[in-house]
Amino acid sequence: MPKPRLIIPHSSNGTLPDLAIYHTTSRVVHCQFLFQAEEKEQFRVLMRMYEQFSGCRVLSYCVMTNHFHLLLEVPPPLSYGEFGIFEEGLIYRLGGLYSRAYVAGVQRDLGGARNFGGET
């Protein structure tokens, strides 16, 4: 049976919400030994890209030949509005996954959609 998540107080005065810390692990199908040096490096690069996109922080990690472990810090949702993430936050996070040109295109599309909807 899984253990409950560990909640770490974020500040001593109690003004900020708590952080959640998770230990996650995943194994390769059929326990094959797929992670060699090149695959481990690609995993690390992708992990850091998705770390920036998700807003979570990888505190520690270990990539073995057939599985990996991550210790994740999941922050409180301070940068979210009533209907989800703010546009500025989305653009910033997309920069961790995509090229500047692609992110600029998304930003233009969002501006066009905002203008089409009547917002200024």
PDB file of N, CA and C in Angstrom:
ATOM      1  N   MET A   1       0.836  -1.169   0.000  1.00  0.00           N
ATOM      2  CA  MET A   1       0.000   0.000   0.000  1.00  0.00           C
ATOM      3  C   MET A   1       0.888   1.242   0.000  1.00  0.00           C
ATOM      4  N   PRO A   2       0.588   2.242  -0.878  1.00  0.00           N
ATOM      5  CA  PRO A   2       1.429   3.430  -0.930  1.00  0.00           C
ATOM      6  C   PRO A   2       1.333   4.262   0.345  1.00  0.00           C
ATOM      7  N   LYS A   3       2.450   4.895   0.672  1.00  0.00           N
ATOM      8  CA  LYS A   3       2.473   5.775   1.832  1.00  0.00           C
ATOM      9  C   LYS A   3       1.907   7.137   1.444  1.00  0.00           C
ATOM     10  N   PRO A   4       1.345   7.863   2.403  1.00  0.00           N
ATOM     11  CA  PRO A   4       0.826   9.194   2.078  1.00  0.00           C
ATOM     12  C   PRO A   4       1.964  10.143   1.743  1.00  0.00           C
ATOM     13  N   ARG A   5       1.635  11.225   1.011  1.00  0.00           N
ATOM     14  CA  ARG A   5       2.661  12.185   0.629  1.00  0.00           C
ATOM     15  C   ARG A   5       3.203  12.904   1.856  1.00  0.00           C
ATOM     16  N   LEU A   6       4.409  13.388   1.707  1.00  0.00           N
ATOM     17  CA  LEU A   6       5.083  14.115   2.774  1.00  0.00           C
ATOM     18  C   LEU A   6       4.891  15.603   2.520  1.00  0.00           C
ATOM     19  N   ILE A   7       4.330  16.321   3.458  1.00  0.00           N
ATOM     20  CA  ILE A   7       4.115  17.757   3.330  1.00  0.00           C
ATOM     21  C   ILE A   7       5.176  18.476   4.166  1.00  0.00           C
ATOM     22  N   ILE A   8       5.892  19.391   3.536  1.00  0.00           N
ATOM     23  CA  ILE A   8       6.947  20.148   4.203  1.00  0.00           C
ATOM     24  C   ILE A   8       6.467  21.591   4.360  1.00  0.00           C
ATOM     25  N   PRO A   9       6.484  22.148   5.559  1.00  0.00           N
ATOM     26  CA  PRO A   9       6.093  23.557   5.716  1.00  0.00           C
ATOM     27  C   PRO A   9       7.004  24.466   4.905  1.00  0.00           C
ATOM     28  N   HIS A  10       6.422  25.387   4.157  1.00  0.00           N
ATOM     29  CA  HIS A  10       7.166  26.272   3.268  1.00  0.00           C
ATOM     30  C   HIS A  10       7.760  27.457   4.007  1.00  0.00           C
ATOM     31  N   SER A  11       7.088  27.936   5.033  1.00  0.00           N
ATOM     32  CA  SER A  11       7.608  29.079   5.778  1.00  0.00           C
ATOM     33  C   SER A  11       7.314  28.898   7.259  1.00  0.00           C
ATOM     34  N   SER A  12       8.140  29.508   8.071  1.00  0.00           N
ATOM     35  CA  SER A  12       7.980  29.355   9.513  1.00  0.00           C
ATOM     36  C   SER A  12       6.801  30.146  10.057  1.00  0.00           C
ATOM     37  N   ASN A  13       6.415  31.229   9.364  1.00  0.00           N
ATOM     38  CA  ASN A  13       5.312  32.042   9.884  1.00  0.00           C
ATOM     39  C   ASN A  13       3.947  31.589   9.367  1.00  0.00           C
ATOM     40  N   GLY A  14       3.916  30.588   8.507  1.00  0.00           N
ATOM     41  CA  GLY A  14       2.656  30.027   8.037  1.00  0.00           C
ATOM     42  C   GLY A  14       1.920  30.869   7.016  1.00  0.00           C
ATOM     43  N   THR A  15       2.591  31.853   6.401  1.00  0.00           N
ATOM     44  CA  THR A  15       1.913  32.704   5.432  1.00  0.00           C
ATOM     45  C   THR A  15       1.842  32.082   4.049  1.00  0.00           C
ATOM     46  N   LEU A  16       2.734  31.164   3.727  1.00  0.00           N
ATOM     47  CA  LEU A  16       2.724  30.535   2.415  1.00  0.00           C
ATOM     48  C   LEU A  16       2.221  29.101   2.524  1.00  0.00           C
ATOM     49  N   PRO A  17       1.565  28.591   1.470  1.00  0.00           N
ATOM     50  CA  PRO A  17       1.103  27.197   1.504  1.00  0.00           C
ATOM     51  C   PRO A  17       2.270  26.218   1.594  1.00  0.00           C
ATOM     52  N   ASP A  18       1.948  24.995   1.957  1.00  0.00           N
ATOM     53  CA  ASP A  18       2.947  23.944   2.101  1.00  0.00           C
ATOM     54  C   ASP A  18       3.354  23.378   0.744  1.00  0.00           C
ATOM     55  N   LEU A  19       4.559  22.826   0.702  1.00  0.00           N
ATOM     56  CA  LEU A  19       5.061  22.122  -0.470  1.00  0.00           C
ATOM     57  C   LEU A  19       4.813  20.638  -0.293  1.00  0.00           C
ATOM     58  N   ALA A  20       4.620  19.954  -1.377  1.00  0.00           N
ATOM     59  CA  ALA A  20       4.492  18.500  -1.327  1.00  0.00           C
ATOM     60  C   ALA A  20       5.759  17.896  -1.928  1.00  0.00           C
ATOM     61  N   ILE A  21       6.291  16.884  -1.275  1.00  0.00           N
ATOM     62  CA  ILE A  21       7.482  16.182  -1.745  1.00  0.00           C
ATOM     63  C   ILE A  21       7.069  14.751  -2.086  1.00  0.00           C
ATOM     64  N   TYR A  22       7.406  14.328  -3.308  1.00  0.00           N
ATOM     65  CA  TYR A  22       7.040  12.988  -3.758  1.00  0.00           C
ATOM     66  C   TYR A  22       8.276  12.217  -4.189  1.00  0.00           C
ATOM     67  N   HIS A  23       8.322  10.951  -3.836  1.00  0.00           N
ATOM     68  CA  HIS A  23       9.319  10.033  -4.380  1.00  0.00           C
ATOM     69  C   HIS A  23       8.596   9.216  -5.437  1.00  0.00           C
ATOM     70  N   THR A  24       9.072   9.289  -6.675  1.00  0.00           N
ATOM     71  CA  THR A  24       8.450   8.531  -7.759  1.00  0.00           C
ATOM     72  C   THR A  24       9.483   7.600  -8.363  1.00  0.00           C
ATOM     73  N   THR A  25       9.001   6.517  -8.905  1.00  0.00           N
ATOM     74  CA  THR A  25       9.882   5.565  -9.570  1.00  0.00           C
ATOM     75  C   THR A  25       9.127   4.928 -10.728  1.00  0.00           C
ATOM     76  N   SER A  26       9.854   4.501 -11.728  1.00  0.00           N
ATOM     77  CA  SER A  26       9.248   3.818 -12.865  1.00  0.00           C
ATOM     78  C   SER A  26      10.250   2.822 -13.423  1.00  0.00           C
ATOM     79  N   ARG A  27       9.731   1.700 -13.862  1.00  0.00           N
ATOM     80  CA  ARG A  27      10.584   0.640 -14.402  1.00  0.00           C
ATOM     81  C   ARG A  27      10.323   0.452 -15.894  1.00  0.00           C
ATOM     82  N   VAL A  28      11.345  -0.017 -16.590  1.00  0.00           N
ATOM     83  CA  VAL A  28      11.240  -0.340 -18.004  1.00  0.00           C
ATOM     84  C   VAL A  28      10.427  -1.628 -18.138  1.00  0.00           C
ATOM     85  N   VAL A  29       9.628  -1.725 -19.187  1.00  0.00           N
ATOM     86  CA  VAL A  29       8.814  -2.916 -19.429  1.00  0.00           C
ATOM     87  C   VAL A  29       9.702  -4.153 -19.509  1.00  0.00           C
ATOM     88  N   HIS A  30       9.287  -5.221 -18.865  1.00  0.00           N
ATOM     89  CA  HIS A  30       9.994  -6.509 -18.832  1.00  0.00           C
ATOM     90  C   HIS A  30      11.388  -6.392 -18.214  1.00  0.00           C
ATOM     91  N   CYS A  31      11.631  -5.342 -17.438  1.00  0.00           N
ATOM     92  CA  CYS A  31      12.916  -5.126 -16.753  1.00  0.00           C
ATOM     93  C   CYS A  31      14.119  -5.183 -17.692  1.00  0.00           C
ATOM     94  N   GLN A  32      13.919  -4.761 -18.943  1.00  0.00           N
ATOM     95  CA  GLN A  32      15.030  -4.722 -19.897  1.00  0.00           C
ATOM     96  C   GLN A  32      16.030  -3.653 -19.470  1.00  0.00           C
ATOM     97  N   PHE A  33      17.286  -3.853 -19.799  1.00  0.00           N
ATOM     98  CA  PHE A  33      18.337  -2.900 -19.455  1.00  0.00           C
ATOM     99  C   PHE A  33      18.526  -1.938 -20.627  1.00  0.00           C
ATOM    100  N   LEU A  34      17.678  -0.898 -20.679  1.00  0.00           N
ATOM    101  CA  LEU A  34      17.660   0.013 -21.817  1.00  0.00           C
ATOM    102  C   LEU A  34      18.451   1.294 -21.600  1.00  0.00           C
ATOM    103  N   PHE A  35      18.643   1.715 -20.365  1.00  0.00           N
ATOM    104  CA  PHE A  35      19.304   2.989 -20.104  1.00  0.00           C
ATOM    105  C   PHE A  35      20.818   2.805 -20.033  1.00  0.00           C
ATOM    106  N   GLN A  36      21.471   3.072 -21.143  1.00  0.00           N
ATOM    107  CA  GLN A  36      22.931   3.117 -21.154  1.00  0.00           C
ATOM    108  C   GLN A  36      23.335   4.587 -21.060  1.00  0.00           C
ATOM    109  N   ALA A  37      24.599   4.910 -21.224  1.00  0.00           N
ATOM    110  CA  ALA A  37      25.088   6.284 -21.005  1.00  0.00           C
ATOM    111  C   ALA A  37      24.343   7.306 -21.863  1.00  0.00           C
ATOM    112  N   GLU A  38      24.160   7.033 -23.139  1.00  0.00           N
ATOM    113  CA  GLU A  38      23.496   7.990 -24.040  1.00  0.00           C
ATOM    114  C   GLU A  38      22.022   8.179 -23.661  1.00  0.00           C
ATOM    115  N   GLU A  39      21.339   7.097 -23.355  1.00  0.00           N
ATOM    116  CA  GLU A  39      19.922   7.183 -22.968  1.00  0.00           C
ATOM    117  C   GLU A  39      19.748   7.896 -21.628  1.00  0.00           C
ATOM    118  N   LYS A  40      20.682   7.673 -20.709  1.00  0.00           N
ATOM    119  CA  LYS A  40      20.624   8.367 -19.417  1.00  0.00           C
ATOM    120  C   LYS A  40      20.786   9.871 -19.601  1.00  0.00           C
ATOM    121  N   GLU A  41      21.679  10.280 -20.480  1.00  0.00           N
ATOM    122  CA  GLU A  41      21.875  11.707 -20.739  1.00  0.00           C
ATOM    123  C   GLU A  41      20.635  12.314 -21.390  1.00  0.00           C
ATOM    124  N   GLN A  42      20.031  11.612 -22.338  1.00  0.00           N
ATOM    125  CA  GLN A  42      18.800  12.112 -22.977  1.00  0.00           C
ATOM    126  C   GLN A  42      17.668  12.189 -21.949  1.00  0.00           C
ATOM    127  N   PHE A  43      17.581  11.227 -21.078  1.00  0.00           N
ATOM    128  CA  PHE A  43      16.584  11.258 -19.994  1.00  0.00           C
ATOM    129  C   PHE A  43      16.783  12.503 -19.133  1.00  0.00           C
ATOM    130  N   ARG A  44      18.044  12.795 -18.776  1.00  0.00           N
ATOM    131  CA  ARG A  44      18.348  13.952 -17.949  1.00  0.00           C
ATOM    132  C   ARG A  44      17.934  15.251 -18.638  1.00  0.00           C
ATOM    133  N   VAL A  45      18.221  15.363 -19.935  1.00  0.00           N
ATOM    134  CA  VAL A  45      17.852  16.564 -20.689  1.00  0.00           C
ATOM    135  C   VAL A  45      16.332  16.734 -20.706  1.00  0.00           C
ATOM    136  N   LEU A  46      15.613  15.665 -21.028  1.00  0.00           N
ATOM    137  CA  LEU A  46      14.145  15.729 -21.062  1.00  0.00           C
ATOM    138  C   LEU A  46      13.561  16.012 -19.677  1.00  0.00           C
ATOM    139  N   MET A  47      14.149  15.419 -18.660  1.00  0.00           N
ATOM    140  CA  MET A  47      13.676  15.638 -17.290  1.00  0.00           C
ATOM    141  C   MET A  47      13.779  17.116 -16.931  1.00  0.00           C
ATOM    142  N   ARG A  48      14.883  17.755 -17.260  1.00  0.00           N
ATOM    143  CA  ARG A  48      15.067  19.175 -16.949  1.00  0.00           C
ATOM    144  C   ARG A  48      14.121  20.052 -17.770  1.00  0.00           C
ATOM    145  N   MET A  49      13.856  19.676 -19.013  1.00  0.00           N
ATOM    146  CA  MET A  49      12.903  20.429 -19.832  1.00  0.00           C
ATOM    147  C   MET A  49      11.499  20.371 -19.223  1.00  0.00           C
ATOM    148  N   TYR A  50      11.072  19.180 -18.845  1.00  0.00           N
ATOM    149  CA  TYR A  50       9.738  19.037 -18.262  1.00  0.00           C
ATOM    150  C   TYR A  50       9.669  19.598 -16.848  1.00  0.00           C
ATOM    151  N   GLU A  51      10.804  19.656 -16.172  1.00  0.00           N
ATOM    152  CA  GLU A  51      10.856  20.294 -14.860  1.00  0.00           C
ATOM    153  C   GLU A  51      10.491  21.775 -14.993  1.00  0.00           C
ATOM    154  N   GLN A  52      11.076  22.455 -15.974  1.00  0.00           N
ATOM    155  CA  GLN A  52      10.764  23.863 -16.180  1.00  0.00           C
ATOM    156  C   GLN A  52       9.313  24.033 -16.622  1.00  0.00           C
ATOM    157  N   PHE A  53       8.839  23.162 -17.491  1.00  0.00           N
ATOM    158  CA  PHE A  53       7.471  23.289 -17.994  1.00  0.00           C
ATOM    159  C   PHE A  53       6.439  23.070 -16.890  1.00  0.00           C
ATOM    160  N   SER A  54       6.656  22.077 -16.067  1.00  0.00           N
ATOM    161  CA  SER A  54       5.649  21.712 -15.063  1.00  0.00           C
ATOM    162  C   SER A  54       5.652  22.622 -13.841  1.00  0.00           C
ATOM    163  N   GLY A  55       6.772  23.277 -13.566  1.00  0.00           N
ATOM    164  CA  GLY A  55       6.867  24.082 -12.360  1.00  0.00           C
ATOM    165  C   GLY A  55       7.287  23.271 -11.137  1.00  0.00           C
ATOM    166  N   CYS A  56       7.423  21.969 -11.313  1.00  0.00           N
ATOM    167  CA  CYS A  56       7.929  21.121 -10.231  1.00  0.00           C
ATOM    168  C   CYS A  56       9.451  21.240 -10.206  1.00  0.00           C
ATOM    169  N   ARG A  57      10.055  20.835  -9.105  1.00  0.00           N
ATOM    170  CA  ARG A  57      11.509  20.884  -8.996  1.00  0.00           C
ATOM    171  C   ARG A  57      12.034  19.493  -8.665  1.00  0.00           C
ATOM    172  N   VAL A  58      12.998  19.041  -9.440  1.00  0.00           N
ATOM    173  CA  VAL A  58      13.623  17.748  -9.173  1.00  0.00           C
ATOM    174  C   VAL A  58      14.706  17.985  -8.129  1.00  0.00           C
ATOM    175  N   LEU A  59      14.483  17.468  -6.932  1.00  0.00           N
ATOM    176  CA  LEU A  59      15.440  17.637  -5.845  1.00  0.00           C
ATOM    177  C   LEU A  59      16.595  16.664  -5.966  1.00  0.00           C
ATOM    178  N   SER A  60      16.274  15.459  -6.422  1.00  0.00           N
ATOM    179  CA  SER A  60      17.281  14.428  -6.584  1.00  0.00           C
ATOM    180  C   SER A  60      16.753  13.399  -7.574  1.00  0.00           C
ATOM    181  N   TYR A  61      17.660  12.728  -8.258  1.00  0.00           N
ATOM    182  CA  TYR A  61      17.243  11.675  -9.180  1.00  0.00           C
ATOM    183  C   TYR A  61      18.343  10.641  -9.315  1.00  0.00           C
ATOM    184  N   CYS A  62      17.939   9.454  -9.749  1.00  0.00           N
ATOM    185  CA  CYS A  62      18.878   8.373 -10.007  1.00  0.00           C
ATOM    186  C   CYS A  62      18.338   7.575 -11.192  1.00  0.00           C
ATOM    187  N   VAL A  63      19.126   7.481 -12.245  1.00  0.00           N
ATOM    188  CA  VAL A  63      18.722   6.720 -13.425  1.00  0.00           C
ATOM    189  C   VAL A  63      19.571   5.461 -13.468  1.00  0.00           C
ATOM    190  N   MET A  64      18.909   4.322 -13.324  1.00  0.00           N
ATOM    191  CA  MET A  64      19.583   3.029 -13.376  1.00  0.00           C
ATOM    192  C   MET A  64      19.418   2.459 -14.788  1.00  0.00           C
ATOM    193  N   THR A  65      19.892   1.255 -15.039  1.00  0.00           N
ATOM    194  CA  THR A  65      19.793   0.693 -16.393  1.00  0.00           C
ATOM    195  C   THR A  65      18.373   0.254 -16.751  1.00  0.00           C
ATOM    196  N   ASN A  66      17.532  -0.035 -15.739  1.00  0.00           N
ATOM    197  CA  ASN A  66      16.175  -0.486 -16.065  1.00  0.00           C
ATOM    198  C   ASN A  66      15.082   0.253 -15.279  1.00  0.00           C
ATOM    199  N   HIS A  67      15.437   1.299 -14.542  1.00  0.00           N
ATOM    200  CA  HIS A  67      14.427   2.092 -13.829  1.00  0.00           C
ATOM    201  C   HIS A  67      15.035   3.409 -13.370  1.00  0.00           C
ATOM    202  N   PHE A  68      14.174   4.299 -12.869  1.00  0.00           N
ATOM    203  CA  PHE A  68      14.669   5.572 -12.341  1.00  0.00           C
ATOM    204  C   PHE A  68      13.883   5.969 -11.105  1.00  0.00           C
ATOM    205  N   HIS A  69      14.482   6.836 -10.315  1.00  0.00           N
ATOM    206  CA  HIS A  69      13.863   7.411  -9.117  1.00  0.00           C
ATOM    207  C   HIS A  69      13.938   8.923  -9.238  1.00  0.00           C
ATOM    208  N   LEU A  70      12.882   9.616  -8.823  1.00  0.00           N
ATOM    209  CA  LEU A  70      12.862  11.070  -8.762  1.00  0.00           C
ATOM    210  C   LEU A  70      12.341  11.495  -7.403  1.00  0.00           C
ATOM    211  N   LEU A  71      12.942  12.509  -6.833  1.00  0.00           N
ATOM    212  CA  LEU A  71      12.413  13.153  -5.640  1.00  0.00           C
ATOM    213  C   LEU A  71      11.954  14.531  -6.104  1.00  0.00           C
ATOM    214  N   LEU A  72      10.626  14.736  -6.102  1.00  0.00           N
ATOM    215  CA  LEU A  72      10.026  15.938  -6.675  1.00  0.00           C
ATOM    216  C   LEU A  72       9.452  16.850  -5.611  1.00  0.00           C
ATOM    217  N   GLU A  73       9.645  18.128  -5.796  1.00  0.00           N
ATOM    218  CA  GLU A  73       9.004  19.143  -4.974  1.00  0.00           C
ATOM    219  C   GLU A  73       7.894  19.762  -5.827  1.00  0.00           C
ATOM    220  N   VAL A  74       6.665  19.612  -5.378  1.00  0.00           N
ATOM    221  CA  VAL A  74       5.519  20.156  -6.103  1.00  0.00           C
ATOM    222  C   VAL A  74       5.067  21.405  -5.360  1.00  0.00           C
ATOM    223  N   PRO A  75       5.236  22.587  -5.992  1.00  0.00           N
ATOM    224  CA  PRO A  75       4.917  23.823  -5.294  1.00  0.00           C
ATOM    225  C   PRO A  75       3.411  24.053  -5.212  1.00  0.00           C
ATOM    226  N   PRO A  76       3.007  24.923  -4.305  1.00  0.00           N
ATOM    227  CA  PRO A  76       1.597  25.298  -4.261  1.00  0.00           C
ATOM    228  C   PRO A  76       1.252  26.072  -5.531  1.00  0.00           C
ATOM    229  N   PRO A  77       0.031  26.012  -5.980  1.00  0.00           N
ATOM    230  CA  PRO A  77      -0.356  26.671  -7.243  1.00  0.00           C
ATOM    231  C   PRO A  77      -0.519  28.184  -7.089  1.00  0.00           C
ATOM    232  N   LEU A  78       0.588  28.894  -6.845  1.00  0.00           N
ATOM    233  CA  LEU A  78       0.520  30.341  -6.654  1.00  0.00           C
ATOM    234  C   LEU A  78       0.391  31.101  -7.968  1.00  0.00           C
ATOM    235  N   SER A  79       0.841  30.529  -9.072  1.00  0.00           N
ATOM    236  CA  SER A  79       0.846  31.247 -10.344  1.00  0.00           C
ATOM    237  C   SER A  79      -0.366  30.906 -11.209  1.00  0.00           C
ATOM    238  N   TYR A  80      -1.422  30.425 -10.607  1.00  0.00           N
ATOM    239  CA  TYR A  80      -2.584  30.041 -11.375  1.00  0.00           C
ATOM    240  C   TYR A  80      -3.740  30.987 -11.100  1.00  0.00           C
ATOM    241  N   GLY A  81      -4.477  31.289 -12.143  1.00  0.00           N
ATOM    242  CA  GLY A  81      -5.677  32.106 -12.006  1.00  0.00           C
ATOM    243  C   GLY A  81      -6.886  31.219 -11.797  1.00  0.00           C
ATOM    244  N   GLU A  82      -8.027  31.829 -11.840  1.00  0.00           N
ATOM    245  CA  GLU A  82      -9.284  31.106 -11.623  1.00  0.00           C
ATOM    246  C   GLU A  82      -9.486  30.016 -12.670  1.00  0.00           C
ATOM    247  N   PHE A  83      -9.045  30.269 -13.904  1.00  0.00           N
ATOM    248  CA  PHE A  83      -9.273  29.323 -14.990  1.00  0.00           C
ATOM    249  C   PHE A  83      -7.997  28.627 -15.440  1.00  0.00           C
ATOM    250  N   GLY A  84      -6.978  28.598 -14.613  1.00  0.00           N
ATOM    251  CA  GLY A  84      -5.740  27.911 -14.967  1.00  0.00           C
ATOM    252  C   GLY A  84      -4.554  28.845 -14.924  1.00  0.00           C
ATOM    253  N   ILE A  85      -3.495  28.450 -15.598  1.00  0.00           N
ATOM    254  CA  ILE A  85      -2.244  29.202 -15.573  1.00  0.00           C
ATOM    255  C   ILE A  85      -2.396  30.512 -16.348  1.00  0.00           C
ATOM    256  N   PHE A  86      -1.742  31.567 -15.865  1.00  0.00           N
ATOM    257  CA  PHE A  86      -1.754  32.846 -16.564  1.00  0.00           C
ATOM    258  C   PHE A  86      -0.950  32.736 -17.849  1.00  0.00           C
ATOM    259  N   GLU A  87      -1.276  33.587 -18.813  1.00  0.00           N
ATOM    260  CA  GLU A  87      -0.626  33.551 -20.117  1.00  0.00           C
ATOM    261  C   GLU A  87       0.893  33.712 -20.012  1.00  0.00           C
ATOM    262  N   GLU A  88       1.357  34.630 -19.159  1.00  0.00           N
ATOM    263  CA  GLU A  88       2.793  34.864 -19.019  1.00  0.00           C
ATOM    264  C   GLU A  88       3.496  33.604 -18.508  1.00  0.00           C
ATOM    265  N   GLY A  89       2.867  32.928 -17.573  1.00  0.00           N
ATOM    266  CA  GLY A  89       3.438  31.691 -17.048  1.00  0.00           C
ATOM    267  C   GLY A  89       3.496  30.601 -18.096  1.00  0.00           C
ATOM    268  N   LEU A  90       2.456  30.522 -18.918  1.00  0.00           N
ATOM    269  CA  LEU A  90       2.431  29.522 -19.983  1.00  0.00           C
ATOM    270  C   LEU A  90       3.549  29.777 -20.982  1.00  0.00           C
ATOM    271  N   ILE A  91       3.704  31.031 -21.398  1.00  0.00           N
ATOM    272  CA  ILE A  91       4.750  31.376 -22.362  1.00  0.00           C
ATOM    273  C   ILE A  91       6.131  31.052 -21.792  1.00  0.00           C
ATOM    274  N   TYR A  92       6.350  31.390 -20.522  1.00  0.00           N
ATOM    275  CA  TYR A  92       7.627  31.091 -19.879  1.00  0.00           C
ATOM    276  C   TYR A  92       7.880  29.578 -19.870  1.00  0.00           C
ATOM    277  N   ARG A  93       6.877  28.815 -19.487  1.00  0.00           N
ATOM    278  CA  ARG A  93       7.051  27.359 -19.386  1.00  0.00           C
ATOM    279  C   ARG A  93       7.233  26.698 -20.743  1.00  0.00           C
ATOM    280  N   LEU A  94       6.545  27.213 -21.772  1.00  0.00           N
ATOM    281  CA  LEU A  94       6.731  26.659 -23.114  1.00  0.00           C
ATOM    282  C   LEU A  94       8.161  26.849 -23.594  1.00  0.00           C
ATOM    283  N   GLY A  95       8.826  27.913 -23.107  1.00  0.00           N
ATOM    284  CA  GLY A  95      10.213  28.159 -23.486  1.00  0.00           C
ATOM    285  C   GLY A  95      11.155  27.052 -23.062  1.00  0.00           C
ATOM    286  N   GLY A  96      10.765  26.261 -22.076  1.00  0.00           N
ATOM    287  CA  GLY A  96      11.585  25.142 -21.646  1.00  0.00           C
ATOM    288  C   GLY A  96      11.472  23.929 -22.548  1.00  0.00           C
ATOM    289  N   LEU A  97      10.426  23.902 -23.377  1.00  0.00           N
ATOM    290  CA  LEU A  97      10.207  22.742 -24.243  1.00  0.00           C
ATOM    291  C   LEU A  97      10.420  23.028 -25.726  1.00  0.00           C
ATOM    292  N   TYR A  98      10.148  24.266 -26.137  1.00  0.00           N
ATOM    293  CA  TYR A  98      10.125  24.576 -27.564  1.00  0.00           C
ATOM    294  C   TYR A  98      11.085  25.712 -27.904  1.00  0.00           C
ATOM    295  N   SER A  99      11.341  25.875 -29.194  1.00  0.00           N
ATOM    296  CA  SER A  99      12.224  26.929 -29.671  1.00  0.00           C
ATOM    297  C   SER A  99      11.591  28.304 -29.461  1.00  0.00           C
ATOM    298  N   ARG A 100      12.433  29.335 -29.497  1.00  0.00           N
ATOM    299  CA  ARG A 100      11.926  30.707 -29.352  1.00  0.00           C
ATOM    300  C   ARG A 100      10.929  31.051 -30.446  1.00  0.00           C
ATOM    301  N   ALA A 101      11.211  30.585 -31.664  1.00  0.00           N
ATOM    302  CA  ALA A 101      10.311  30.876 -32.792  1.00  0.00           C
ATOM    303  C   ALA A 101       8.935  30.256 -32.558  1.00  0.00           C
ATOM    304  N   TYR A 102       8.908  29.029 -32.086  1.00  0.00           N
ATOM    305  CA  TYR A 102       7.629  28.367 -31.824  1.00  0.00           C
ATOM    306  C   TYR A 102       6.861  29.087 -30.715  1.00  0.00           C
ATOM    307  N   VAL A 103       7.558  29.455 -29.641  1.00  0.00           N
ATOM    308  CA  VAL A 103       6.913  30.137 -28.519  1.00  0.00           C
ATOM    309  C   VAL A 103       6.394  31.497 -28.966  1.00  0.00           C
ATOM    310  N   ALA A 104       7.161  32.196 -29.808  1.00  0.00           N
ATOM    311  CA  ALA A 104       6.703  33.488 -30.334  1.00  0.00           C
ATOM    312  C   ALA A 104       5.431  33.301 -31.162  1.00  0.00           C
ATOM    313  N   GLY A 105       5.345  32.214 -31.927  1.00  0.00           N
ATOM    314  CA  GLY A 105       4.138  31.920 -32.703  1.00  0.00           C
ATOM    315  C   GLY A 105       2.941  31.674 -31.797  1.00  0.00           C
ATOM    316  N   VAL A 106       3.142  30.947 -30.723  1.00  0.00           N
ATOM    317  CA  VAL A 106       2.062  30.704 -29.763  1.00  0.00           C
ATOM    318  C   VAL A 106       1.617  32.022 -29.143  1.00  0.00           C
ATOM    319  N   GLN A 107       2.579  32.868 -28.823  1.00  0.00           N
ATOM    320  CA  GLN A 107       2.260  34.168 -28.228  1.00  0.00           C
ATOM    321  C   GLN A 107       1.448  35.023 -29.208  1.00  0.00           C
ATOM    322  N   ARG A 108       1.825  35.008 -30.486  1.00  0.00           N
ATOM    323  CA  ARG A 108       1.052  35.730 -31.507  1.00  0.00           C
ATOM    324  C   ARG A 108      -0.361  35.178 -31.617  1.00  0.00           C
ATOM    325  N   ASP A 109      -0.471  33.849 -31.635  1.00  0.00           N
ATOM    326  CA  ASP A 109      -1.792  33.217 -31.737  1.00  0.00           C
ATOM    327  C   ASP A 109      -2.676  33.576 -30.546  1.00  0.00           C
ATOM    328  N   LEU A 110      -2.088  33.594 -29.352  1.00  0.00           N
ATOM    329  CA  LEU A 110      -2.860  33.974 -28.166  1.00  0.00           C
ATOM    330  C   LEU A 110      -3.323  35.423 -28.256  1.00  0.00           C
ATOM    331  N   GLY A 111      -2.436  36.298 -28.746  1.00  0.00           N
ATOM    332  CA  GLY A 111      -2.806  37.701 -28.926  1.00  0.00           C
ATOM    333  C   GLY A 111      -3.914  37.846 -29.948  1.00  0.00           C
ATOM    334  N   GLY A 112      -3.835  37.094 -31.051  1.00  0.00           N
ATOM    335  CA  GLY A 112      -4.890  37.133 -32.062  1.00  0.00           C
ATOM    336  C   GLY A 112      -6.217  36.617 -31.513  1.00  0.00           C
ATOM    337  N   ALA A 113      -6.169  35.566 -30.723  1.00  0.00           N
ATOM    338  CA  ALA A 113      -7.397  35.013 -30.131  1.00  0.00           C
ATOM    339  C   ALA A 113      -7.989  36.005 -29.140  1.00  0.00           C
ATOM    340  N   ARG A 114      -7.129  36.689 -28.376  1.00  0.00           N
ATOM    341  CA  ARG A 114      -7.606  37.683 -27.417  1.00  0.00           C
ATOM    342  C   ARG A 114      -8.291  38.838 -28.144  1.00  0.00           C
ATOM    343  N   ASN A 115      -7.673  39.313 -29.243  1.00  0.00           N
ATOM    344  CA  ASN A 115      -8.259  40.400 -30.035  1.00  0.00           C
ATOM    345  C   ASN A 115      -9.555  39.967 -30.703  1.00  0.00           C
ATOM    346  N   PHE A 116      -9.609  38.727 -31.171  1.00  0.00           N
ATOM    347  CA  PHE A 116     -10.820  38.196 -31.805  1.00  0.00           C
ATOM    348  C   PHE A 116     -11.965  38.115 -30.796  1.00  0.00           C
ATOM    349  N   GLY A 117     -11.622  37.805 -29.552  1.00  0.00           N
ATOM    350  CA  GLY A 117     -12.626  37.678 -28.492  1.00  0.00           C
ATOM    351  C   GLY A 117     -13.074  39.006 -27.927  1.00  0.00           C
ATOM    352  N   GLY A 118     -12.469  40.097 -28.364  1.00  0.00           N
ATOM    353  CA  GLY A 118     -12.903  41.411 -27.905  1.00  0.00           C
ATOM    354  C   GLY A 118     -12.124  41.944 -26.733  1.00  0.00           C
ATOM    355  N   GLU A 119     -11.127  41.192 -26.211  1.00  0.00           N
ATOM    356  CA  GLU A 119     -10.313  41.692 -25.103  1.00  0.00           C
ATOM    357  C   GLU A 119      -9.230  42.589 -25.644  1.00  0.00           C
ATOM    358  N   THR A 120      -8.743  43.513 -24.817  1.00  0.00           N
ATOM    359  CA  THR A 120      -7.648  44.395 -25.237  1.00  0.00           C
ATOM    360  C   THR A 120      -6.448  44.174 -24.360  1.00  0.00           C
TER     361      THR A 120
END
